[in-house]
N, C-alpha and C. Protein backbone atom coordinates (compact mmCIF):
# COMPACT_ATOMS: atom_id res chain seq x y z
N MET A 1 180.76 94.26 113.45
CA MET A 1 181.62 95.19 112.73
C MET A 1 182.19 94.55 111.47
N THR A 2 181.35 93.83 110.76
CA THR A 2 181.79 93.15 109.55
C THR A 2 181.79 94.12 108.38
N LEU A 3 182.90 94.20 107.66
CA LEU A 3 183.01 95.04 106.48
C LEU A 3 182.82 94.19 105.23
N SER A 4 182.39 94.84 104.17
CA SER A 4 182.34 94.13 102.90
C SER A 4 183.76 93.77 102.48
N PRO A 5 183.96 92.71 101.72
CA PRO A 5 185.31 92.34 101.28
C PRO A 5 186.00 93.47 100.52
N GLU A 6 185.23 94.20 99.71
CA GLU A 6 185.82 95.29 98.93
C GLU A 6 186.33 96.40 99.84
N LEU A 7 185.50 96.80 100.84
CA LEU A 7 185.92 97.86 101.74
C LEU A 7 187.09 97.41 102.61
N ALA A 8 187.06 96.17 103.05
CA ALA A 8 188.16 95.65 103.87
C ALA A 8 189.47 95.68 103.09
N ARG A 9 189.44 95.30 101.81
CA ARG A 9 190.66 95.32 100.99
C ARG A 9 191.14 96.74 100.78
N TRP A 10 190.20 97.65 100.51
CA TRP A 10 190.59 99.05 100.28
C TRP A 10 191.21 99.64 101.54
N ARG A 11 190.59 99.42 102.68
CA ARG A 11 191.13 99.96 103.93
C ARG A 11 192.51 99.38 104.24
N LYS A 12 192.70 98.10 103.99
CA LYS A 12 194.00 97.48 104.23
C LYS A 12 195.07 98.13 103.37
N ALA A 13 194.77 98.34 102.10
CA ALA A 13 195.74 98.96 101.20
C ALA A 13 196.01 100.41 101.58
N GLU A 14 194.95 101.15 101.93
CA GLU A 14 195.11 102.55 102.33
C GLU A 14 195.91 102.65 103.62
N ARG A 15 195.65 101.76 104.53
CA ARG A 15 196.38 101.72 105.80
C ARG A 15 197.88 101.50 105.56
N ALA A 16 198.21 100.54 104.71
CA ALA A 16 199.62 100.25 104.42
C ALA A 16 200.31 101.46 103.79
N THR A 17 199.62 102.14 102.88
CA THR A 17 200.18 103.32 102.23
C THR A 17 200.45 104.43 103.23
N LEU A 18 199.48 104.69 104.11
CA LEU A 18 199.60 105.78 105.07
C LEU A 18 200.68 105.50 106.11
N ILE A 19 200.76 104.26 106.58
CA ILE A 19 201.79 103.92 107.56
C ILE A 19 203.18 104.04 106.93
N ALA A 20 203.32 103.57 105.71
CA ALA A 20 204.61 103.68 105.03
C ALA A 20 205.02 105.13 104.84
N ARG A 21 204.05 105.97 104.53
CA ARG A 21 204.33 107.40 104.35
C ARG A 21 204.80 108.02 105.67
N ARG A 22 204.16 107.64 106.75
CA ARG A 22 204.52 108.20 108.06
C ARG A 22 205.90 107.71 108.51
N VAL A 23 206.16 106.42 108.32
CA VAL A 23 207.44 105.85 108.72
C VAL A 23 208.58 106.45 107.91
N ALA A 24 208.30 106.82 106.67
CA ALA A 24 209.34 107.35 105.79
C ALA A 24 209.69 108.81 106.08
N ALA A 25 208.89 109.49 106.89
CA ALA A 25 209.17 110.89 107.20
C ALA A 25 210.52 110.99 107.92
N SER A 26 211.23 112.06 107.67
CA SER A 26 212.54 112.24 108.29
C SER A 26 212.40 112.47 109.79
N ALA A 27 213.45 112.17 110.52
CA ALA A 27 213.44 112.41 111.96
C ALA A 27 213.24 113.88 112.28
N ALA A 28 213.81 114.74 111.46
CA ALA A 28 213.68 116.18 111.69
C ALA A 28 212.23 116.62 111.50
N ASP A 29 211.60 116.13 110.43
CA ASP A 29 210.19 116.47 110.20
C ASP A 29 209.32 115.94 111.34
N HIS A 30 209.56 114.69 111.71
CA HIS A 30 208.76 114.08 112.78
C HIS A 30 208.89 114.89 114.07
N ALA A 31 210.09 115.31 114.41
CA ALA A 31 210.29 116.09 115.63
C ALA A 31 209.60 117.45 115.54
N ARG A 32 209.69 118.09 114.38
CA ARG A 32 209.07 119.41 114.22
C ARG A 32 207.55 119.30 114.29
N TRP A 33 206.98 118.32 113.58
CA TRP A 33 205.52 118.13 113.61
C TRP A 33 205.05 117.79 115.01
N SER A 34 205.80 116.93 115.69
CA SER A 34 205.41 116.51 117.04
C SER A 34 205.43 117.68 118.01
N ALA A 35 206.44 118.54 117.90
CA ALA A 35 206.51 119.71 118.77
C ALA A 35 205.31 120.63 118.54
N ALA A 36 204.91 120.79 117.29
CA ALA A 36 203.75 121.63 116.99
C ALA A 36 202.47 121.03 117.56
N ILE A 37 202.29 119.73 117.42
CA ILE A 37 201.10 119.07 117.98
C ILE A 37 201.09 119.21 119.50
N ASN A 38 202.23 119.00 120.12
CA ASN A 38 202.32 119.14 121.57
C ASN A 38 201.90 120.54 122.02
N ASP A 39 202.40 121.56 121.34
CA ASP A 39 202.05 122.94 121.70
C ASP A 39 200.55 123.19 121.55
N LEU A 40 199.95 122.66 120.51
CA LEU A 40 198.51 122.84 120.29
C LEU A 40 197.69 122.12 121.36
N LEU A 41 198.13 120.94 121.76
CA LEU A 41 197.41 120.21 122.80
C LEU A 41 197.51 120.95 124.14
N GLU A 42 198.70 121.43 124.47
CA GLU A 42 198.85 122.14 125.74
C GLU A 42 198.09 123.46 125.74
N GLY A 43 198.09 124.15 124.60
CA GLY A 43 197.42 125.44 124.53
C GLY A 43 195.91 125.34 124.35
N GLY A 44 195.47 124.29 123.66
CA GLY A 44 194.05 124.18 123.33
C GLY A 44 193.24 123.34 124.28
N PHE A 45 193.91 122.50 125.08
CA PHE A 45 193.17 121.55 125.92
C PHE A 45 193.67 121.55 127.37
N PRO A 46 193.72 122.70 128.03
CA PRO A 46 194.08 122.68 129.45
C PRO A 46 193.09 121.88 130.29
N VAL A 47 191.90 121.64 129.76
CA VAL A 47 190.91 120.81 130.45
C VAL A 47 191.46 119.42 130.77
N LEU A 48 192.42 118.95 129.99
CA LEU A 48 192.98 117.62 130.22
C LEU A 48 193.68 117.52 131.58
N GLU A 49 194.07 118.64 132.14
CA GLU A 49 194.82 118.63 133.40
C GLU A 49 193.99 118.10 134.57
N ARG A 50 192.67 118.06 134.44
CA ARG A 50 191.84 117.56 135.54
C ARG A 50 191.07 116.29 135.17
N LEU A 51 191.52 115.63 134.11
CA LEU A 51 190.84 114.44 133.63
C LEU A 51 191.73 113.20 133.73
N THR A 52 191.11 112.05 133.57
CA THR A 52 191.84 110.80 133.35
C THR A 52 191.98 110.64 131.84
N VAL A 53 193.21 110.62 131.36
CA VAL A 53 193.49 110.70 129.92
C VAL A 53 194.05 109.38 129.41
N GLY A 54 193.36 108.78 128.47
CA GLY A 54 193.85 107.59 127.82
C GLY A 54 194.80 107.96 126.70
N ILE A 55 195.98 107.36 126.73
CA ILE A 55 197.00 107.61 125.71
C ILE A 55 197.38 106.28 125.06
N CYS A 56 198.26 106.33 124.07
CA CYS A 56 198.74 105.11 123.42
C CYS A 56 200.26 105.11 123.39
N TRP A 57 200.83 103.94 123.59
CA TRP A 57 202.27 103.79 123.42
C TRP A 57 202.59 103.98 121.93
N PRO A 58 203.58 104.81 121.56
CA PRO A 58 203.81 105.11 120.14
C PRO A 58 204.17 103.88 119.33
N PHE A 59 203.59 103.81 118.14
CA PHE A 59 203.71 102.64 117.28
C PHE A 59 203.88 103.11 115.85
N GLN A 60 204.88 102.59 115.17
CA GLN A 60 205.10 102.87 113.75
C GLN A 60 205.11 104.37 113.45
N ALA A 61 205.94 105.09 114.19
CA ALA A 61 206.22 106.52 113.97
C ALA A 61 205.02 107.42 114.25
N GLU A 62 204.13 106.99 115.16
CA GLU A 62 203.04 107.85 115.61
C GLU A 62 203.58 109.01 116.45
N PHE A 63 202.75 110.02 116.65
CA PHE A 63 203.04 111.06 117.64
C PHE A 63 203.11 110.40 119.01
N ASP A 64 204.13 110.77 119.78
CA ASP A 64 204.37 110.18 121.10
C ASP A 64 203.69 111.05 122.16
N THR A 65 202.64 110.51 122.79
CA THR A 65 201.88 111.27 123.78
C THR A 65 202.51 111.22 125.18
N ARG A 66 203.53 110.40 125.39
CA ARG A 66 204.03 110.20 126.75
C ARG A 66 204.61 111.47 127.39
N PRO A 67 205.41 112.28 126.69
CA PRO A 67 205.91 113.49 127.35
C PRO A 67 204.78 114.42 127.79
N LEU A 68 203.77 114.58 126.93
CA LEU A 68 202.61 115.40 127.31
C LEU A 68 201.91 114.80 128.51
N ALA A 69 201.71 113.48 128.50
CA ALA A 69 201.03 112.83 129.62
C ALA A 69 201.79 113.03 130.93
N ALA A 70 203.11 112.97 130.87
CA ALA A 70 203.91 113.18 132.08
C ALA A 70 203.68 114.58 132.64
N ARG A 71 203.60 115.56 131.76
CA ARG A 71 203.35 116.93 132.23
C ARG A 71 201.93 117.08 132.78
N LEU A 72 200.96 116.42 132.15
CA LEU A 72 199.59 116.46 132.66
C LEU A 72 199.51 115.82 134.04
N ILE A 73 200.21 114.71 134.22
CA ILE A 73 200.22 114.05 135.54
C ILE A 73 200.78 114.99 136.60
N ALA A 74 201.83 115.72 136.25
CA ALA A 74 202.43 116.65 137.21
C ALA A 74 201.47 117.76 137.60
N LYS A 75 200.45 118.01 136.76
CA LYS A 75 199.47 119.06 137.04
C LYS A 75 198.18 118.50 137.65
N GLY A 76 198.14 117.20 137.92
CA GLY A 76 196.99 116.64 138.61
C GLY A 76 196.17 115.64 137.82
N ALA A 77 196.47 115.45 136.55
CA ALA A 77 195.73 114.48 135.74
C ALA A 77 196.19 113.05 136.07
N ARG A 78 195.42 112.09 135.58
CA ARG A 78 195.86 110.70 135.57
C ARG A 78 195.95 110.26 134.12
N ALA A 79 196.87 109.35 133.83
CA ALA A 79 197.03 108.83 132.47
C ALA A 79 196.89 107.32 132.51
N ALA A 80 196.45 106.75 131.39
CA ALA A 80 196.24 105.31 131.31
C ALA A 80 196.54 104.83 129.91
N LEU A 81 197.07 103.61 129.83
CA LEU A 81 197.37 102.96 128.55
C LEU A 81 196.36 101.85 128.27
N PRO A 82 196.04 101.62 127.00
CA PRO A 82 195.09 100.56 126.66
C PRO A 82 195.70 99.17 126.76
N VAL A 83 194.86 98.23 127.16
CA VAL A 83 195.25 96.82 127.25
C VAL A 83 194.21 96.00 126.48
N VAL A 84 194.67 95.21 125.51
CA VAL A 84 193.78 94.32 124.77
C VAL A 84 193.50 93.10 125.66
N VAL A 85 192.21 92.88 125.97
CA VAL A 85 191.85 91.75 126.82
C VAL A 85 191.36 90.56 126.01
N ALA A 86 190.79 90.81 124.83
CA ALA A 86 190.33 89.74 123.96
C ALA A 86 189.96 90.33 122.61
N LYS A 87 190.00 89.51 121.58
CA LYS A 87 189.61 89.93 120.25
C LYS A 87 188.14 90.35 120.25
N ALA A 88 187.84 91.44 119.53
CA ALA A 88 186.47 91.93 119.36
C ALA A 88 185.84 92.36 120.68
N GLN A 89 186.67 92.77 121.64
CA GLN A 89 186.17 93.27 122.93
C GLN A 89 186.72 94.68 123.17
N PRO A 90 186.01 95.49 123.96
CA PRO A 90 186.56 96.81 124.30
C PRO A 90 187.90 96.70 125.02
N LEU A 91 188.67 97.74 124.90
CA LEU A 91 189.95 97.83 125.60
C LEU A 91 189.72 98.10 127.08
N GLU A 92 190.66 97.67 127.90
CA GLU A 92 190.75 98.15 129.26
C GLU A 92 191.87 99.18 129.31
N PHE A 93 191.76 100.13 130.24
CA PHE A 93 192.82 101.11 130.43
C PHE A 93 193.38 100.96 131.85
N HIS A 94 194.70 100.93 131.93
CA HIS A 94 195.37 100.79 133.22
C HIS A 94 196.33 101.96 133.43
N GLN A 95 196.39 102.40 134.67
CA GLN A 95 197.13 103.61 134.98
C GLN A 95 198.59 103.51 134.55
N TRP A 96 199.06 104.60 133.97
CA TRP A 96 200.46 104.73 133.56
C TRP A 96 201.04 106.00 134.16
N PHE A 97 202.28 105.93 134.53
CA PHE A 97 203.04 107.11 134.95
C PHE A 97 204.50 106.82 134.64
N PRO A 98 205.31 107.85 134.45
CA PRO A 98 206.72 107.62 134.12
C PRO A 98 207.40 106.74 135.17
N GLY A 99 208.05 105.69 134.71
CA GLY A 99 208.76 104.79 135.60
C GLY A 99 207.95 103.65 136.15
N CYS A 100 206.65 103.55 135.79
CA CYS A 100 205.86 102.44 136.32
C CYS A 100 206.29 101.13 135.65
N ALA A 101 206.08 100.03 136.36
CA ALA A 101 206.46 98.72 135.84
C ALA A 101 205.65 98.40 134.59
N MET A 102 206.30 97.83 133.59
CA MET A 102 205.66 97.52 132.31
C MET A 102 205.91 96.06 131.94
N THR A 103 205.02 95.53 131.12
CA THR A 103 205.20 94.20 130.56
C THR A 103 204.78 94.23 129.10
N ALA A 104 205.01 93.16 128.37
CA ALA A 104 204.70 93.14 126.94
C ALA A 104 203.25 92.76 126.72
N GLY A 105 202.57 93.53 125.84
CA GLY A 105 201.20 93.23 125.48
C GLY A 105 201.10 92.82 124.02
N VAL A 106 199.92 92.98 123.43
CA VAL A 106 199.70 92.65 122.03
C VAL A 106 200.63 93.48 121.14
N TYR A 107 201.14 92.90 120.07
CA TYR A 107 202.12 93.52 119.18
C TYR A 107 203.42 93.85 119.91
N ASP A 108 203.63 93.25 121.10
CA ASP A 108 204.80 93.52 121.93
C ASP A 108 204.86 94.97 122.42
N LEU A 109 203.72 95.66 122.38
CA LEU A 109 203.68 97.01 122.92
C LEU A 109 203.64 96.95 124.44
N PRO A 110 204.40 97.81 125.11
CA PRO A 110 204.41 97.78 126.57
C PRO A 110 203.06 98.18 127.16
N ILE A 111 202.66 97.49 128.22
CA ILE A 111 201.45 97.81 128.96
C ILE A 111 201.80 97.84 130.45
N PRO A 112 201.06 98.61 131.24
CA PRO A 112 201.36 98.68 132.68
C PRO A 112 201.20 97.32 133.34
N ASP A 113 202.08 97.06 134.28
CA ASP A 113 202.11 95.78 134.98
C ASP A 113 201.64 95.98 136.42
N GLY A 114 200.38 95.62 136.68
CA GLY A 114 199.89 95.65 138.05
C GLY A 114 199.30 96.97 138.51
N THR A 115 199.13 97.94 137.63
CA THR A 115 198.52 99.21 138.04
C THR A 115 197.00 99.10 137.93
N PRO A 116 196.26 99.97 138.63
CA PRO A 116 194.79 99.84 138.63
C PRO A 116 194.15 100.18 137.30
N ARG A 117 192.98 99.58 137.08
CA ARG A 117 192.19 99.90 135.90
C ARG A 117 191.52 101.26 136.10
N LEU A 118 191.54 102.08 135.05
CA LEU A 118 190.92 103.40 135.08
C LEU A 118 189.94 103.53 133.92
N MET A 119 188.94 104.37 134.09
CA MET A 119 188.01 104.67 133.01
C MET A 119 188.35 106.07 132.47
N PRO A 120 188.76 106.19 131.22
CA PRO A 120 189.22 107.49 130.72
C PRO A 120 188.09 108.49 130.52
N ASP A 121 188.38 109.74 130.85
CA ASP A 121 187.49 110.87 130.54
C ASP A 121 187.81 111.44 129.17
N ALA A 122 189.02 111.24 128.71
CA ALA A 122 189.47 111.74 127.41
C ALA A 122 190.38 110.71 126.78
N LEU A 123 190.35 110.65 125.46
CA LEU A 123 191.20 109.73 124.72
C LEU A 123 192.00 110.52 123.70
N LEU A 124 193.32 110.38 123.75
CA LEU A 124 194.22 110.93 122.73
C LEU A 124 194.57 109.78 121.81
N ILE A 125 194.02 109.79 120.61
CA ILE A 125 194.07 108.62 119.73
C ILE A 125 194.91 108.92 118.49
N PRO A 126 196.13 108.38 118.41
CA PRO A 126 196.89 108.50 117.16
C PRO A 126 196.18 107.70 116.07
N VAL A 127 196.03 108.31 114.91
CA VAL A 127 195.28 107.65 113.83
C VAL A 127 196.21 107.31 112.67
N VAL A 128 195.80 106.33 111.90
CA VAL A 128 196.50 106.02 110.65
C VAL A 128 196.06 107.00 109.56
N GLY A 129 194.75 107.25 109.49
CA GLY A 129 194.21 108.20 108.54
C GLY A 129 193.03 108.95 109.14
N ILE A 130 192.83 110.18 108.70
CA ILE A 130 191.69 110.97 109.19
C ILE A 130 190.96 111.57 108.00
N GLY A 131 189.63 111.35 107.96
CA GLY A 131 188.82 111.84 106.86
C GLY A 131 188.25 113.21 107.12
N ARG A 132 187.61 113.77 106.09
CA ARG A 132 187.07 115.13 106.17
C ARG A 132 185.94 115.25 107.19
N ALA A 133 185.27 114.16 107.49
CA ALA A 133 184.14 114.18 108.41
C ALA A 133 184.55 113.74 109.82
N GLY A 134 185.83 113.78 110.12
CA GLY A 134 186.29 113.36 111.43
C GLY A 134 186.32 111.86 111.60
N ASP A 135 186.18 111.14 110.50
CA ASP A 135 186.22 109.67 110.55
C ASP A 135 187.67 109.21 110.62
N ARG A 136 187.87 108.13 111.34
CA ARG A 136 189.22 107.68 111.68
C ARG A 136 189.51 106.33 111.05
N LEU A 137 190.65 106.23 110.39
CA LEU A 137 191.13 104.95 109.91
C LEU A 137 192.20 104.47 110.88
N GLY A 138 191.92 103.36 111.58
CA GLY A 138 192.87 102.82 112.54
C GLY A 138 193.60 101.61 111.98
N TYR A 139 193.93 100.70 112.88
CA TYR A 139 194.72 99.54 112.47
C TYR A 139 193.86 98.34 112.09
N GLY A 140 192.56 98.48 112.16
CA GLY A 140 191.68 97.44 111.63
C GLY A 140 191.06 96.51 112.65
N GLY A 141 191.43 96.65 113.93
CA GLY A 141 190.87 95.76 114.93
C GLY A 141 189.54 96.21 115.50
N GLY A 142 189.20 97.48 115.30
CA GLY A 142 187.95 98.01 115.82
C GLY A 142 187.93 98.23 117.32
N PHE A 143 189.10 98.19 117.95
CA PHE A 143 189.13 98.25 119.41
C PHE A 143 188.63 99.59 119.95
N PHE A 144 189.07 100.69 119.33
CA PHE A 144 188.67 101.98 119.87
C PHE A 144 187.19 102.26 119.65
N ASP A 145 186.65 101.87 118.52
CA ASP A 145 185.22 102.07 118.30
C ASP A 145 184.41 101.29 119.34
N ARG A 146 184.79 100.05 119.58
CA ARG A 146 184.08 99.26 120.60
C ARG A 146 184.23 99.88 121.98
N THR A 147 185.42 100.38 122.26
CA THR A 147 185.68 100.96 123.58
C THR A 147 184.87 102.22 123.80
N ILE A 148 184.92 103.14 122.83
CA ILE A 148 184.17 104.39 122.97
C ILE A 148 182.68 104.12 123.11
N ALA A 149 182.18 103.18 122.30
CA ALA A 149 180.75 102.85 122.35
C ALA A 149 180.35 102.26 123.70
N SER A 150 181.29 101.67 124.41
CA SER A 150 180.97 100.99 125.68
C SER A 150 181.07 101.91 126.89
N ILE A 151 181.58 103.13 126.71
CA ILE A 151 181.82 104.03 127.84
C ILE A 151 180.74 105.11 127.88
N ALA A 152 180.11 105.26 129.03
CA ALA A 152 179.15 106.33 129.24
C ALA A 152 179.49 107.06 130.54
N PRO A 153 179.56 108.39 130.50
CA PRO A 153 179.42 109.23 129.31
C PRO A 153 180.61 109.08 128.37
N LYS A 154 180.37 109.44 127.11
CA LYS A 154 181.42 109.32 126.10
C LYS A 154 182.61 110.19 126.47
N PRO A 155 183.82 109.65 126.38
CA PRO A 155 185.00 110.46 126.64
C PRO A 155 185.22 111.50 125.54
N LEU A 156 185.95 112.54 125.88
CA LEU A 156 186.40 113.51 124.90
C LEU A 156 187.37 112.80 123.97
N CYS A 157 187.10 112.81 122.67
CA CYS A 157 187.90 112.04 121.71
C CYS A 157 188.69 112.98 120.81
N ILE A 158 190.01 112.93 120.93
CA ILE A 158 190.90 113.80 120.18
C ILE A 158 191.80 112.94 119.31
N ALA A 159 191.66 113.07 118.00
CA ALA A 159 192.52 112.34 117.07
C ALA A 159 193.81 113.12 116.85
N LEU A 160 194.92 112.40 116.87
CA LEU A 160 196.24 113.00 116.66
C LEU A 160 196.83 112.43 115.38
N ALA A 161 197.21 113.31 114.48
CA ALA A 161 197.71 112.85 113.18
C ALA A 161 198.67 113.88 112.62
N PHE A 162 199.56 113.42 111.75
CA PHE A 162 200.33 114.33 110.93
C PHE A 162 199.52 114.62 109.67
N GLU A 163 199.79 115.75 109.05
CA GLU A 163 199.02 116.14 107.86
C GLU A 163 199.10 115.10 106.74
N LEU A 164 200.20 114.36 106.70
CA LEU A 164 200.33 113.34 105.66
C LEU A 164 199.34 112.18 105.84
N SER A 165 198.60 112.21 106.96
CA SER A 165 197.60 111.16 107.23
C SER A 165 196.21 111.54 106.72
N ARG A 166 196.07 112.68 106.08
CA ARG A 166 194.75 113.12 105.59
C ARG A 166 194.27 112.24 104.43
N ILE A 167 192.99 111.89 104.49
CA ILE A 167 192.32 111.21 103.38
C ILE A 167 190.96 111.86 103.20
N ASP A 168 190.36 111.68 102.04
CA ASP A 168 189.02 112.23 101.83
C ASP A 168 188.02 111.56 102.76
N THR A 169 188.07 110.25 102.83
CA THR A 169 187.14 109.50 103.67
C THR A 169 187.69 108.11 103.93
N SER A 170 187.29 107.55 105.07
CA SER A 170 187.57 106.14 105.36
C SER A 170 186.37 105.28 105.00
N ASP A 171 185.36 105.91 104.35
CA ASP A 171 184.09 105.25 104.08
C ASP A 171 183.51 104.70 105.39
N PRO A 172 183.21 105.62 106.34
CA PRO A 172 182.79 105.18 107.68
C PRO A 172 181.48 104.39 107.64
N GLN A 173 181.42 103.40 108.52
CA GLN A 173 180.23 102.57 108.67
C GLN A 173 179.49 102.99 109.94
N SER A 174 178.34 102.39 110.19
CA SER A 174 177.50 102.81 111.32
C SER A 174 178.21 102.65 112.66
N HIS A 175 179.15 101.71 112.75
CA HIS A 175 179.84 101.48 114.02
C HIS A 175 181.07 102.37 114.19
N ASP A 176 181.46 103.10 113.15
CA ASP A 176 182.65 103.96 113.22
C ASP A 176 182.29 105.27 113.90
N ILE A 177 182.96 105.59 114.98
CA ILE A 177 182.63 106.76 115.79
C ILE A 177 183.54 107.92 115.42
N PRO A 178 182.98 109.06 114.99
CA PRO A 178 183.83 110.20 114.63
C PRO A 178 184.49 110.83 115.85
N MET A 179 185.59 111.49 115.62
CA MET A 179 186.32 112.17 116.67
C MET A 179 185.68 113.53 116.96
N ASP A 180 185.87 114.03 118.19
CA ASP A 180 185.39 115.37 118.54
C ASP A 180 186.31 116.44 117.98
N PHE A 181 187.60 116.19 118.09
CA PHE A 181 188.61 117.14 117.61
C PHE A 181 189.69 116.37 116.85
N VAL A 182 190.34 117.07 115.93
CA VAL A 182 191.51 116.54 115.24
C VAL A 182 192.64 117.56 115.40
N VAL A 183 193.80 117.08 115.82
CA VAL A 183 194.97 117.95 115.98
C VAL A 183 196.08 117.41 115.09
N THR A 184 196.57 118.27 114.20
CA THR A 184 197.76 117.97 113.40
C THR A 184 198.77 119.08 113.63
N GLU A 185 199.90 118.98 112.97
CA GLU A 185 200.93 120.00 113.16
C GLU A 185 200.51 121.36 112.63
N THR A 186 199.44 121.42 111.82
CA THR A 186 199.01 122.71 111.26
C THR A 186 197.89 123.37 112.04
N GLY A 187 197.30 122.68 113.00
CA GLY A 187 196.24 123.32 113.77
C GLY A 187 195.24 122.34 114.36
N ILE A 188 194.16 122.92 114.93
CA ILE A 188 193.11 122.16 115.59
C ILE A 188 191.82 122.29 114.78
N GLN A 189 191.11 121.19 114.65
CA GLN A 189 189.80 121.20 114.00
C GLN A 189 188.78 120.56 114.94
N VAL A 190 187.55 121.05 114.86
CA VAL A 190 186.45 120.50 115.64
C VAL A 190 185.41 119.96 114.66
N LEU A 191 184.71 118.91 115.07
CA LEU A 191 183.67 118.34 114.23
C LEU A 191 182.38 119.12 114.44
N ARG A 192 181.86 119.70 113.36
CA ARG A 192 180.60 120.43 113.40
C ARG A 192 179.76 120.03 112.19
N ASP A 193 178.54 119.61 112.46
CA ASP A 193 177.61 119.28 111.38
C ASP A 193 178.24 118.33 110.36
N GLY A 194 178.98 117.35 110.87
CA GLY A 194 179.53 116.32 110.01
C GLY A 194 180.77 116.71 109.25
N GLN A 195 181.34 117.88 109.55
CA GLN A 195 182.56 118.32 108.87
C GLN A 195 183.54 118.89 109.89
N LEU A 196 184.81 118.88 109.53
CA LEU A 196 185.85 119.44 110.40
C LEU A 196 186.05 120.92 110.09
N ASP A 197 186.00 121.76 111.13
CA ASP A 197 186.23 123.19 111.01
C ASP A 197 187.48 123.57 111.81
N ARG A 198 188.33 124.40 111.21
CA ARG A 198 189.54 124.83 111.90
C ARG A 198 189.21 125.91 112.91
N ILE A 199 189.81 125.82 114.10
CA ILE A 199 189.58 126.78 115.17
C ILE A 199 190.92 127.15 115.80
N ASP A 200 190.92 128.30 116.51
CA ASP A 200 192.15 128.69 117.22
C ASP A 200 192.15 128.08 118.62
N MET A 201 193.25 128.26 119.33
CA MET A 201 193.40 127.60 120.62
C MET A 201 192.41 128.12 121.65
N LEU A 202 192.13 129.43 121.65
CA LEU A 202 191.19 129.98 122.62
C LEU A 202 189.79 129.39 122.39
N HIS A 203 189.38 129.35 121.15
CA HIS A 203 188.08 128.77 120.81
C HIS A 203 188.05 127.30 121.22
N CYS A 204 189.14 126.61 120.98
CA CYS A 204 189.22 125.20 121.35
C CYS A 204 189.06 125.02 122.85
N ARG A 205 189.73 125.85 123.63
CA ARG A 205 189.62 125.74 125.09
C ARG A 205 188.16 125.82 125.53
N ASN A 206 187.45 126.80 124.98
CA ASN A 206 186.06 126.99 125.38
C ASN A 206 185.19 125.83 124.93
N LEU A 207 185.39 125.35 123.70
CA LEU A 207 184.58 124.24 123.19
C LEU A 207 184.85 122.96 123.98
N ALA A 208 186.13 122.69 124.26
CA ALA A 208 186.47 121.48 124.99
C ALA A 208 185.89 121.52 126.40
N GLU A 209 185.97 122.68 127.05
CA GLU A 209 185.39 122.82 128.38
C GLU A 209 183.88 122.59 128.33
N ASP A 210 183.21 123.17 127.34
CA ASP A 210 181.76 123.00 127.22
C ASP A 210 181.40 121.54 126.98
N LEU A 211 182.18 120.87 126.14
CA LEU A 211 181.88 119.48 125.81
C LEU A 211 182.09 118.58 127.03
N VAL A 212 183.16 118.81 127.75
CA VAL A 212 183.42 118.03 128.96
C VAL A 212 182.30 118.25 129.98
N ARG A 213 181.89 119.49 130.15
CA ARG A 213 180.83 119.81 131.11
C ARG A 213 179.51 119.16 130.70
N SER A 214 179.19 119.23 129.41
CA SER A 214 177.91 118.69 128.93
C SER A 214 177.83 117.19 129.08
N ARG A 215 178.98 116.51 129.09
CA ARG A 215 179.01 115.05 129.23
C ARG A 215 179.17 114.61 130.69
N GLY A 216 179.23 115.56 131.60
CA GLY A 216 179.34 115.22 133.00
C GLY A 216 180.71 114.69 133.38
N LEU A 217 181.75 115.19 132.71
CA LEU A 217 183.12 114.78 133.00
C LEU A 217 183.80 115.85 133.83
N PRO A 218 184.78 115.51 134.65
CA PRO A 218 185.28 114.14 134.83
C PRO A 218 184.29 113.26 135.58
N ARG A 219 184.30 111.99 135.24
CA ARG A 219 183.44 111.03 135.91
C ARG A 219 183.95 110.80 137.33
N SER A 220 183.15 110.16 138.15
CA SER A 220 183.56 109.89 139.53
C SER A 220 184.84 109.08 139.53
N VAL A 221 185.70 109.36 140.48
CA VAL A 221 186.97 108.62 140.60
C VAL A 221 186.66 107.18 140.92
N ASP A 222 187.39 106.26 140.24
CA ASP A 222 187.15 104.83 140.45
C ASP A 222 187.42 104.43 141.88
């Protein structure tokens, strides 16, 4: 996953700009946008209620998936948080639930302490930037691309972003894996023929169900 020096510099600068923009958003805006994203996820992806869902601990003013995950767990889903095991290696996911024991991981982000490893059927991935072709600009470690590439069948991949995270392109490389869906505070988009198309919640429900079924998800319980 080696980038050219020019692309690496550009991505680093773009990443810093986008994170600063997100962190600078007012608390009121962040709360309003987050509520809208939450409503779209609940309305558009009821399929998540029967899956093992990988989430992320919120970092640098990202959308916080934990309240949604808690509600999914109450409806029968399982949730898991990523754990960095080594540089340039896929992530492991370990079960998370409200009140479970936690310890400090990479970047001092909390990770589950002693819970079982799970293989996610779906990934809710907060992004730094999202391009027109569903390409994702992350934090630069390549962890999610390696992880998704290592999991068969491929999990349902849903990028979560605020509209201020939009970019024309991240200049995706061959190892960069596009997202299946993108959810922002303004709506849901699905990747079709290399471009993002806006869809309503009912359409999203049907597409997500079809995609999960076609990939043979949920996978067998560990």
